[in-house]
């Protein structure tokens, strides 16, 4: 899987509270409204934690 697909899988739960298969996460999962640049910066930061 390329990083673009992986990024999309990371963004869905953060921005839309959806699982990779499109199922909604629990209602307690916050839906974050973020600018695309901020979301990309968050993903880059998360990659440093690996």
Protein backbone atom coordinates (compact mmCIF):
# COMPACT_ATOMS: atom_id res chain seq x y z
CA UNK A 1 0.00 0.00 0.00
CA UNK A 2 1.41 3.37 -0.92
CA UNK A 3 1.61 6.29 1.49
CA UNK A 4 -1.24 8.15 -0.24
CA UNK A 5 -3.63 5.25 0.47
CA UNK A 6 -2.28 4.94 3.99
CA UNK A 7 -2.78 8.67 4.57
CA UNK A 8 -6.41 8.36 3.47
CA UNK A 9 -6.94 5.49 5.93
CA UNK A 10 -5.52 7.63 8.72
CA UNK A 11 -7.55 10.71 7.78
CA UNK A 12 -10.95 8.98 7.69
CA UNK A 13 -11.20 8.18 11.40
CA UNK A 14 -9.82 11.58 12.39
CA UNK A 15 -11.98 13.76 10.13
CA UNK A 16 -15.06 11.61 9.57
CA UNK A 17 -15.01 9.06 12.43
CA UNK A 18 -15.24 6.22 9.90
CA UNK A 19 -13.49 2.85 9.90
CA UNK A 20 -11.47 1.85 6.83
CA UNK A 21 -14.49 -0.14 5.59
CA UNK A 22 -16.77 2.91 5.91
CA UNK A 23 -18.48 1.83 9.12
CA UNK A 24 -18.95 4.62 11.65
CA UNK A 25 -16.82 4.59 14.77
CA UNK A 26 -18.49 4.75 18.15
CA UNK A 27 -20.48 7.96 18.65
CA UNK A 28 -17.99 9.05 21.33
CA UNK A 29 -15.21 9.37 18.73
CA UNK A 30 -14.77 13.09 18.10
CA UNK A 31 -15.04 14.42 14.56
CA UNK A 32 -12.21 16.89 14.07
CA UNK A 33 -12.64 19.71 11.61
CA UNK A 34 -9.16 20.48 10.35
CA UNK A 35 -7.63 22.24 7.41
CA UNK A 36 -6.04 19.78 4.98
CA UNK A 37 -2.57 21.20 5.69
CA UNK A 38 -3.04 20.69 9.44
CA UNK A 39 -4.28 17.14 8.94
CA UNK A 40 -1.26 16.40 6.74
CA UNK A 41 1.06 17.86 9.37
CA UNK A 42 -0.58 15.65 12.01
CA UNK A 43 -0.01 12.56 9.86
CA UNK A 44 3.63 13.53 9.35
CA UNK A 45 4.01 13.89 13.12
CA UNK A 46 2.36 10.51 13.73
CA UNK A 47 4.84 8.93 11.33
CA UNK A 48 7.71 10.14 13.54
CA UNK A 49 6.28 8.07 16.40
CA UNK A 50 6.65 4.77 14.57
